[in-house]
Amino acid sequence: MSKIGKISVFLLMVVLLVALPLSGCGKAEPAGPQEGVIKIGLLTDLTGPIAASSVPGLEAMEDWTKYVNEELGGIRGHQIELIVVDAKYDNDLAASGFEKLVNQDKVHYISCACANYQPVVKPLASRYHMPCSGPTEYAVLLPHTPDSFMFGYMPHYADMYRCSLTWIKDNWKGDEPPRIGIMGLDASFSKSTIKPIKWMLENELNWPIVAEEWMTMSAMDVTSQVTNLKNANCDYVLMPLTGAPQLIFQKTAYAAGLTDSTQLVDIFITMMMSFRQLDPEATTGLMSHSPCALLQMADEVEVIGLINQLHETNRPDAPPLDWIRIINYAGSMLVNDILGKTIDKYGYDGLTGDNIKWIMEHKMKGYTAEGLIGSLPWSTEQHGGPRANIIVKTTPDFGLEILKLWQEMPPWPEEAQDPSFWKL
């Protein structure tokens, strides 16, 4: 090559070296730990019998994730990606969906929005060392072992009834103990709720259980169950039901006049605005127990104002903010704070299941999501959810009358540490 040719090649190389960095102007910096995405999996039911609560829950999680990403810059500067699996209230789909989130999507954390799935996914969470939280019965968490990666982020359903029954005991004015009826659902979460409720009624309160009825998830006619409860002259009927079956029972109970003489106590579903709008008359006057703060508590819980504003902005055509959305906002805040604390201690590259679990067991005790939920008891020995509830009653204007703020739950007996205590 001639001298002139060598000079030309040299000059071309210089131009290219100068131009390459300039070509990236205006684009993001090269990918690195500071820009790593945080992946949160959601195992839920967007179709099926409990979709009425799952869809608003997802919307709340999406709205909080959007707020954190756009307004707060993500979690410690890392954007959040929410990856959703619809398991359609099918345990097999829940198991395969969990596997997908772990092995294909490579999520850092899984929120499991359905209590019925927890027995299915608990061994998978341990196998893959995948932190997982959601509504769950205490029986699912037992026996507690060091390799358990499942946590409850709201009171167990039996805890909710233990709070309500305690409130009833403190406020009962009758000369004779109240007559109790139970309307059960043929589902695992309902059965593991009824067993400890019956223990409390029979061993602590000494209140008579005068009727016990059952229905299936697919039941369309519960006339005989309602008739039996009405004939038993119940003062209270406890309803560990959810989704479509609960509305079928409530509509039948209202039409048959059961609610004229009997106070129905549900798990929580009648506090959902979208659910109540399906039949305002049948869902009015029911007693319930909220696991989170309510819209009426905006003066006491400042963050409610923010999430209500987010809800009105993002969901202008949706029903007003209700407890199901609030509890999912709280759950999103909880997961975000867990992952933020993990990054603080271990860095983004340290977002491993074992490190996240350590944070959950050592740094989250007493956490309340800025007052939205009762205080968490999480520790190396305790993975259950909060143990306090707000006792409420539904009013005709779609509102809620607060009967008691944060009713504390008496501890369960020592034998409750045995899984058989919860199995019907």
Protein backbone atom coordinates (compact mmCIF):
# COMPACT_ATOMS: atom_id res chain seq x y z
CA MET A 1 0.00 0.00 0.00
CA SER A 2 1.31 3.47 -0.87
CA LYS A 3 2.08 6.06 1.75
CA ILE A 4 -1.01 8.07 0.69
CA GLY A 5 -3.17 4.94 1.05
CA LYS A 6 -1.88 4.25 4.55
CA ILE A 7 -2.65 7.85 5.57
CA SER A 8 -6.21 7.54 4.15
CA VAL A 9 -6.89 4.32 6.11
CA PHE A 10 -5.55 5.95 9.28
CA LEU A 11 -7.78 9.01 8.84
CA LEU A 12 -10.84 6.79 8.18
CA MET A 13 -10.21 4.88 11.40
CA VAL A 14 -9.95 8.12 13.36
CA VAL A 15 -13.26 9.34 11.91
CA LEU A 16 -14.98 6.07 12.82
CA LEU A 17 -13.63 6.10 16.37
CA VAL A 18 -14.91 9.63 16.87
CA ALA A 19 -18.28 8.92 15.23
CA LEU A 20 -19.15 5.75 17.16
CA PRO A 21 -19.62 7.40 20.58
CA LEU A 22 -21.49 10.31 18.97
CA SER A 23 -23.94 7.92 17.31
CA GLY A 24 -25.30 7.00 20.76
CA CYS A 25 -26.19 10.56 21.74
CA GLY A 26 -29.73 10.84 23.10
CA LYS A 27 -30.01 7.09 23.84
CA ALA A 28 -29.88 5.24 27.15
CA GLU A 29 -26.54 4.37 28.69
CA PRO A 30 -25.28 0.83 28.12
CA ALA A 31 -27.27 -1.72 30.13
CA GLY A 32 -25.90 -2.34 33.60
CA PRO A 33 -27.06 -3.24 37.11
CA GLN A 34 -28.39 0.28 37.65
CA GLU A 35 -30.82 -0.24 34.77
CA GLY A 36 -31.83 -3.83 35.43
CA VAL A 37 -35.55 -4.47 35.31
CA ILE A 38 -37.27 -5.86 38.41
CA LYS A 39 -39.75 -8.57 37.41
CA ILE A 40 -42.76 -9.25 39.63
CA GLY A 41 -45.03 -12.14 38.74
CA LEU A 42 -48.75 -12.17 39.50
CA LEU A 43 -50.66 -15.45 39.64
CA THR A 44 -54.33 -14.53 39.56
CA ASP A 45 -57.83 -15.29 38.19
CA LEU A 46 -58.98 -12.91 35.49
CA THR A 47 -61.62 -15.41 34.40
CA GLY A 48 -63.65 -17.78 36.53
CA PRO A 49 -65.75 -17.52 39.71
CA ILE A 50 -63.61 -14.98 41.58
CA ALA A 51 -62.70 -12.73 38.65
CA ALA A 52 -64.89 -10.01 40.15
CA SER A 53 -62.26 -9.47 42.85
CA SER A 54 -59.16 -10.44 40.85
CA VAL A 55 -59.62 -7.96 37.98
CA PRO A 56 -59.89 -4.84 40.21
CA GLY A 57 -56.94 -6.18 42.20
CA LEU A 58 -54.82 -6.40 39.06
CA GLU A 59 -55.86 -2.88 38.03
CA ALA A 60 -54.71 -1.53 41.39
CA MET A 61 -51.35 -3.27 41.05
CA GLU A 62 -50.95 -1.93 37.51
CA ASP A 63 -51.79 1.61 38.63
CA TRP A 64 -49.31 1.54 41.53
CA THR A 65 -46.60 0.06 39.29
CA LYS A 66 -47.21 2.81 36.74
CA TYR A 67 -46.96 5.45 39.46
CA VAL A 68 -43.72 4.02 40.85
CA ASN A 69 -42.13 3.69 37.40
CA GLU A 70 -43.18 7.09 36.06
CA GLU A 71 -43.21 9.29 39.15
CA LEU A 72 -40.66 7.67 41.46
CA GLY A 73 -38.24 6.32 38.87
CA GLY A 74 -38.89 2.68 39.80
CA ILE A 75 -37.47 0.83 42.78
CA ARG A 76 -34.05 2.30 43.60
CA GLY A 77 -33.86 3.43 39.99
CA HIS A 78 -34.93 0.09 38.50
CA GLN A 79 -38.11 -0.11 36.42
CA ILE A 80 -40.74 -2.67 37.43
CA GLU A 81 -42.22 -5.17 34.99
CA LEU A 82 -45.46 -6.83 36.11
CA ILE A 83 -45.96 -10.23 34.47
CA VAL A 84 -49.47 -11.66 34.82
CA VAL A 85 -50.70 -15.26 34.59
CA ASP A 86 -54.43 -15.99 34.54
CA ALA A 87 -54.91 -19.40 36.14
CA LYS A 88 -58.71 -19.32 35.78
CA TYR A 89 -59.27 -20.74 39.30
CA ASP A 90 -57.65 -23.98 38.18
CA ASN A 91 -54.99 -25.54 40.39
CA ASP A 92 -53.21 -27.23 37.49
CA LEU A 93 -52.98 -23.92 35.64
CA ALA A 94 -51.74 -22.30 38.84
CA ALA A 95 -48.91 -24.82 39.09
CA SER A 96 -47.92 -24.49 35.43
CA GLY A 97 -48.25 -20.71 35.66
CA PHE A 98 -45.92 -20.62 38.65
CA GLU A 99 -43.38 -22.72 36.73
CA LYS A 100 -43.65 -20.34 33.76
CA LEU A 101 -43.05 -17.28 35.90
CA VAL A 102 -39.97 -18.89 37.47
CA ASN A 103 -38.37 -20.68 34.54
CA GLN A 104 -39.45 -18.67 31.50
CA ASP A 105 -40.10 -15.16 32.76
CA LYS A 106 -37.32 -15.24 35.40
CA VAL A 107 -39.26 -13.16 37.90
CA HIS A 108 -37.76 -12.03 41.20
CA TYR A 109 -40.95 -12.40 43.24
CA ILE A 110 -44.45 -13.86 42.85
CA SER A 111 -47.69 -12.47 44.24
CA CYS A 112 -50.32 -15.21 44.40
CA ALA A 113 -53.73 -13.52 44.49
CA CYS A 114 -55.85 -16.61 45.21
CA ALA A 115 -55.90 -18.42 48.57
CA ASN A 116 -56.98 -21.64 46.89
CA TYR A 117 -53.64 -21.85 45.05
CA GLN A 118 -51.37 -21.62 48.06
CA PRO A 119 -51.28 -25.37 48.87
CA VAL A 120 -50.38 -26.02 45.22
CA VAL A 121 -47.61 -23.46 44.87
CA LYS A 122 -46.06 -23.74 48.35
CA PRO A 123 -43.82 -26.71 47.46
CA LEU A 124 -42.88 -25.03 44.18
CA ALA A 125 -41.87 -21.88 46.04
CA SER A 126 -39.58 -23.96 48.26
CA ARG A 127 -38.19 -25.96 45.34
CA TYR A 128 -37.23 -22.88 43.35
CA HIS A 129 -36.44 -20.63 46.34
CA MET A 130 -39.01 -18.21 44.97
CA PRO A 131 -40.48 -15.74 47.51
CA CYS A 132 -44.26 -15.80 47.26
CA SER A 133 -46.94 -13.90 49.18
CA GLY A 134 -50.70 -13.50 49.09
CA PRO A 135 -53.86 -14.39 50.98
CA THR A 136 -53.42 -17.78 52.61
CA GLU A 137 -54.76 -19.89 55.45
CA TYR A 138 -52.51 -20.58 58.40
CA ALA A 139 -52.81 -24.30 57.79
CA VAL A 140 -50.98 -23.88 54.48
CA LEU A 141 -48.01 -22.32 56.24
CA LEU A 142 -47.67 -25.27 58.62
CA PRO A 143 -45.50 -26.99 59.45
CA HIS A 144 -43.12 -24.06 59.34
CA THR A 145 -39.66 -25.03 58.09
CA PRO A 146 -36.57 -22.93 57.32
CA ASP A 147 -36.97 -23.57 53.58
CA SER A 148 -40.50 -22.13 53.43
CA PHE A 149 -40.75 -19.28 50.91
CA MET A 150 -44.47 -18.56 51.32
CA PHE A 151 -45.80 -15.58 53.31
CA GLY A 152 -49.24 -14.15 54.05
CA TYR A 153 -49.72 -10.41 53.50
CA MET A 154 -53.25 -10.11 54.89
CA PRO A 155 -55.04 -11.78 57.83
CA HIS A 156 -56.00 -15.40 57.32
CA TYR A 157 -59.71 -15.87 56.77
CA ALA A 158 -60.04 -17.64 60.12
CA ASP A 159 -58.30 -14.67 61.75
CA MET A 160 -60.90 -12.36 60.23
CA TYR A 161 -63.74 -14.34 61.76
CA ARG A 162 -61.89 -14.58 65.07
CA CYS A 163 -61.81 -10.77 65.10
CA SER A 164 -65.51 -10.46 64.20
CA LEU A 165 -66.60 -13.07 66.74
CA THR A 166 -64.56 -11.24 69.37
CA TRP A 167 -66.36 -8.01 68.48
CA ILE A 168 -69.75 -9.77 68.64
CA LYS A 169 -68.87 -11.20 72.06
CA ASP A 170 -67.92 -7.75 73.37
CA ASN A 171 -71.17 -6.19 72.06
CA TRP A 172 -73.75 -8.97 72.53
CA LYS A 173 -76.69 -7.79 74.68
CA GLY A 174 -78.85 -10.92 74.77
CA ASP A 175 -79.56 -12.94 77.91
CA GLU A 176 -78.82 -16.14 76.02
CA PRO A 177 -75.75 -16.71 73.82
CA PRO A 178 -76.23 -15.98 70.10
CA ARG A 179 -77.35 -18.80 67.85
CA ILE A 180 -74.80 -19.35 65.07
CA GLY A 181 -75.29 -20.77 61.60
CA ILE A 182 -72.48 -21.60 59.14
CA MET A 183 -72.79 -21.45 55.35
CA GLY A 184 -69.72 -23.23 53.97
CA LEU A 185 -68.22 -23.58 50.51
CA ASP A 186 -66.75 -26.82 49.18
CA ALA A 187 -63.29 -25.29 48.71
CA SER A 188 -60.09 -25.70 50.70
CA PHE A 189 -59.92 -22.11 51.97
CA SER A 190 -63.49 -22.32 53.29
CA LYS A 191 -62.94 -25.66 55.02
CA SER A 192 -59.76 -24.49 56.74
CA THR A 193 -61.68 -21.43 57.94
CA ILE A 194 -64.68 -23.32 59.31
CA LYS A 195 -62.67 -25.79 61.41
CA PRO A 196 -61.05 -23.16 63.70
CA ILE A 197 -64.27 -21.10 63.76
CA LYS A 198 -66.12 -24.14 65.12
CA TRP A 199 -63.35 -24.71 67.66
CA MET A 200 -63.70 -21.11 68.88
CA LEU A 201 -67.49 -21.33 69.11
CA GLU A 202 -67.47 -24.67 70.90
CA ASN A 203 -64.45 -24.32 73.19
CA GLU A 204 -64.03 -20.63 73.96
CA LEU A 205 -67.40 -18.96 73.49
CA ASN A 206 -69.73 -21.88 74.19
CA TRP A 207 -72.19 -20.60 71.58
CA PRO A 208 -74.54 -23.09 69.90
CA ILE A 209 -74.02 -23.92 66.23
CA VAL A 210 -77.65 -24.48 65.26
CA ALA A 211 -77.17 -25.08 61.51
CA GLU A 212 -74.31 -25.95 59.14
CA GLU A 213 -74.92 -25.87 55.40
CA TRP A 214 -72.70 -26.34 52.34
CA MET A 215 -72.67 -25.32 48.68
CA THR A 216 -70.33 -25.94 45.75
CA MET A 217 -68.49 -23.44 43.57
CA SER A 218 -70.87 -24.31 40.72
CA ALA A 219 -74.11 -24.19 42.73
CA MET A 220 -76.92 -22.15 41.17
CA ASP A 221 -79.73 -22.91 43.65
CA VAL A 222 -79.25 -22.76 47.43
CA THR A 223 -82.92 -22.52 48.41
CA SER A 224 -82.75 -25.56 50.67
CA GLN A 225 -79.69 -24.26 52.52
CA VAL A 226 -81.29 -20.87 53.08
CA THR A 227 -84.53 -22.50 54.24
CA ASN A 228 -82.67 -24.65 56.78
CA LEU A 229 -80.75 -21.63 58.13
CA LYS A 230 -83.98 -19.63 58.42
CA ASN A 231 -85.79 -22.44 60.23
CA ALA A 232 -82.89 -22.71 62.69
CA ASN A 233 -83.53 -19.12 63.89
CA CYS A 234 -79.89 -18.07 63.62
CA ASP A 235 -78.80 -14.78 65.12
CA TYR A 236 -75.68 -14.79 62.93
CA VAL A 237 -74.73 -16.76 59.82
CA LEU A 238 -71.01 -16.93 59.07
CA MET A 239 -70.24 -17.11 55.34
CA PRO A 240 -66.74 -18.28 54.32
CA LEU A 241 -67.78 -17.79 50.68
CA THR A 242 -66.38 -15.74 47.83
CA GLY A 243 -67.12 -14.70 44.27
CA ALA A 244 -70.21 -15.84 42.39
CA PRO A 245 -71.34 -18.44 45.00
CA GLN A 246 -71.56 -15.76 47.67
CA LEU A 247 -73.81 -13.55 45.58
CA ILE A 248 -76.09 -16.51 44.81
CA PHE A 249 -76.43 -17.21 48.52
CA GLN A 250 -76.99 -13.56 49.44
CA LYS A 251 -79.63 -13.02 46.76
CA THR A 252 -81.48 -16.14 47.91
CA ALA A 253 -81.15 -15.16 51.58
CA TYR A 254 -82.57 -11.71 50.89
CA ALA A 255 -85.43 -12.99 48.76
CA ALA A 256 -86.37 -15.60 51.38
CA GLY A 257 -86.35 -13.07 54.21
CA LEU A 258 -83.43 -14.65 56.08
CA THR A 259 -81.76 -11.25 56.42
CA ASP A 260 -84.86 -9.83 58.18
CA SER A 261 -83.98 -11.70 61.36
CA THR A 262 -80.38 -12.85 60.90
CA GLN A 263 -77.11 -10.94 60.62
CA LEU A 264 -74.91 -12.30 57.82
CA VAL A 265 -71.13 -12.10 58.37
CA ASP A 266 -69.02 -12.54 55.24
CA ILE A 267 -65.31 -12.85 54.57
CA PHE A 268 -64.94 -9.49 52.80
CA ILE A 269 -66.50 -9.64 49.36
CA THR A 270 -69.48 -7.37 50.11
CA MET A 271 -67.08 -4.48 50.64
CA MET A 272 -66.30 -4.58 46.92
CA MET A 273 -68.14 -1.82 45.08
CA SER A 274 -68.38 -3.77 41.80
CA PHE A 275 -69.82 -6.74 43.68
CA ARG A 276 -72.37 -4.68 45.59
CA GLN A 277 -73.60 -3.02 42.43
CA LEU A 278 -74.68 -6.42 41.09
CA ASP A 279 -77.45 -6.51 43.72
CA PRO A 280 -77.55 -3.47 46.04
CA GLU A 281 -80.42 -4.77 48.20
CA ALA A 282 -78.95 -8.21 48.84
CA THR A 283 -75.53 -6.77 49.72
CA THR A 284 -76.73 -4.12 52.17
CA GLY A 285 -76.68 -4.61 55.94
CA LEU A 286 -73.99 -7.29 55.96
CA MET A 287 -71.28 -7.36 58.59
CA SER A 288 -67.71 -7.91 57.46
CA HIS A 289 -64.09 -7.46 58.44
CA SER A 290 -61.69 -5.36 56.40
CA PRO A 291 -58.01 -6.37 56.34
CA CYS A 292 -57.01 -2.85 55.28
CA ALA A 293 -57.82 0.80 55.83
CA LEU A 294 -60.93 2.21 54.15
CA LEU A 295 -61.67 5.28 52.07
CA GLN A 296 -63.45 6.81 55.08
CA MET A 297 -60.10 6.80 56.92
CA ALA A 298 -58.36 9.29 54.63
CA ASP A 299 -57.76 11.66 57.55
CA GLU A 300 -55.96 8.96 59.55
CA VAL A 301 -54.17 7.23 56.64
CA GLU A 302 -52.63 9.85 54.39
CA VAL A 303 -51.67 7.56 51.51
CA ILE A 304 -55.36 6.77 50.84
CA GLY A 305 -55.68 10.23 49.29
CA LEU A 306 -52.88 9.43 46.85
CA ILE A 307 -54.19 6.04 45.77
CA ASN A 308 -57.71 7.41 45.41
CA GLN A 309 -56.32 10.11 43.12
CA LEU A 310 -54.46 7.46 41.08
CA HIS A 311 -57.62 5.40 40.85
CA GLU A 312 -59.78 8.30 39.67
CA THR A 313 -57.16 9.33 37.10
CA ASN A 314 -56.43 5.87 35.70
CA ARG A 315 -59.89 4.30 36.05
CA PRO A 316 -62.44 7.06 35.45
CA ASP A 317 -65.12 4.59 34.35
CA ALA A 318 -64.55 2.09 37.18
CA PRO A 319 -66.52 1.95 40.44
CA PRO A 320 -65.09 4.07 43.28
CA LEU A 321 -62.06 2.90 45.21
CA ASP A 322 -62.92 0.00 47.53
CA TRP A 323 -61.14 -2.37 49.87
CA ILE A 324 -60.10 -4.91 47.21
CA ARG A 325 -58.21 -2.23 45.33
CA ILE A 326 -56.78 -0.75 48.53
CA ILE A 327 -55.45 -4.11 49.73
CA ASN A 328 -53.78 -4.65 46.35
CA TYR A 329 -52.22 -1.19 46.50
CA ALA A 330 -50.94 -2.19 49.94
CA GLY A 331 -49.65 -5.51 48.58
CA SER A 332 -47.81 -3.73 45.77
CA MET A 333 -46.25 -1.28 48.20
CA LEU A 334 -45.20 -4.20 50.41
CA VAL A 335 -43.50 -6.09 47.58
CA ASN A 336 -41.80 -2.93 46.32
CA ASP A 337 -40.45 -2.13 49.76
CA ILE A 338 -39.18 -5.70 50.22
CA LEU A 339 -37.30 -5.53 46.94
CA GLY A 340 -36.00 -2.04 47.70
CA LYS A 341 -34.61 -3.18 51.04
CA THR A 342 -33.04 -6.18 49.33
CA ILE A 343 -31.27 -3.92 46.82
CA ASP A 344 -30.11 -1.67 49.67
CA LYS A 345 -28.42 -4.60 51.38
CA TYR A 346 -27.29 -6.77 48.47
CA GLY A 347 -27.46 -4.63 45.31
CA TYR A 348 -29.52 -5.34 42.21
CA ASP A 349 -27.45 -8.41 41.37
CA GLY A 350 -28.27 -9.69 44.86
CA LEU A 351 -32.02 -9.98 44.14
CA THR A 352 -31.98 -13.72 44.76
CA GLY A 353 -34.75 -15.67 46.41
CA ASP A 354 -32.68 -16.40 49.50
CA ASN A 355 -31.70 -12.76 49.97
CA ILE A 356 -35.28 -11.55 49.47
CA LYS A 357 -36.52 -14.14 51.98
CA TRP A 358 -33.94 -12.93 54.51
CA ILE A 359 -35.26 -9.38 54.19
CA MET A 360 -38.85 -10.60 54.59
CA GLU A 361 -37.97 -12.49 57.76
CA HIS A 362 -35.70 -9.87 59.34
CA LYS A 363 -36.66 -6.40 58.09
CA MET A 364 -40.46 -6.36 57.58
CA LYS A 365 -41.81 -7.01 61.09
CA GLY A 366 -44.14 -4.18 62.06
CA TYR A 367 -44.60 -3.04 58.45
CA THR A 368 -48.02 -1.45 57.73
CA ALA A 369 -47.78 -0.09 54.13
CA GLU A 370 -48.09 3.45 55.50
CA GLY A 371 -51.05 2.45 57.64
CA LEU A 372 -53.05 0.55 55.00
CA ILE A 373 -52.78 -2.83 56.73
CA GLY A 374 -52.28 -4.11 60.24
CA SER A 375 -48.76 -4.62 61.49
CA LEU A 376 -46.92 -7.59 59.95
CA PRO A 377 -45.61 -10.22 62.38
CA TRP A 378 -43.17 -11.73 59.86
CA SER A 379 -40.07 -13.35 61.31
CA THR A 380 -38.03 -16.52 60.84
CA GLU A 381 -40.73 -18.36 62.81
CA GLN A 382 -43.84 -16.52 61.57
CA HIS A 383 -44.86 -16.09 57.94
CA GLY A 384 -48.53 -15.32 58.63
CA GLY A 385 -50.25 -12.03 57.89
CA PRO A 386 -51.45 -9.24 60.22
CA ARG A 387 -53.86 -10.17 63.01
CA ALA A 388 -56.10 -7.09 63.24
CA ASN A 389 -59.19 -6.14 61.20
CA ILE A 390 -61.62 -3.26 60.82
CA ILE A 391 -65.17 -4.43 61.59
CA VAL A 392 -67.74 -2.86 59.24
CA LYS A 393 -71.35 -3.06 58.07
CA THR A 394 -72.56 -2.23 54.57
CA THR A 395 -75.00 0.70 54.24
CA PRO A 396 -77.69 1.38 51.59
CA ASP A 397 -75.69 4.17 49.89
CA PHE A 398 -72.85 1.73 49.04
CA GLY A 399 -70.95 3.05 52.05
CA LEU A 400 -69.52 1.24 55.06
CA GLU A 401 -70.33 1.88 58.70
CA ILE A 402 -67.16 1.34 60.73
CA LEU A 403 -68.05 -0.63 63.86
CA LYS A 404 -64.51 -1.01 65.20
CA LEU A 405 -61.12 0.24 64.03
CA TRP A 406 -58.45 -2.46 64.10
CA GLN A 407 -60.11 -5.07 66.25
CA GLU A 408 -57.25 -7.07 67.74
CA MET A 409 -57.42 -10.84 67.47
CA PRO A 410 -56.88 -13.04 70.54
CA PRO A 411 -54.09 -15.56 69.98
CA TRP A 412 -55.03 -19.02 68.81
CA PRO A 413 -54.34 -21.86 71.26
CA GLU A 414 -51.07 -23.73 71.28
CA GLU A 415 -52.65 -26.66 69.46
CA ALA A 416 -53.15 -24.40 66.44
CA GLN A 417 -49.50 -25.07 65.59
CA ASP A 418 -50.57 -28.59 64.62
CA PRO A 419 -51.79 -28.69 60.97
CA SER A 420 -54.63 -31.04 61.98
CA PHE A 421 -56.20 -28.19 63.99
CA TRP A 422 -57.18 -26.50 60.72
CA LYS A 423 -58.24 -29.51 58.62
CA LEU A 424 -61.96 -30.23 58.40
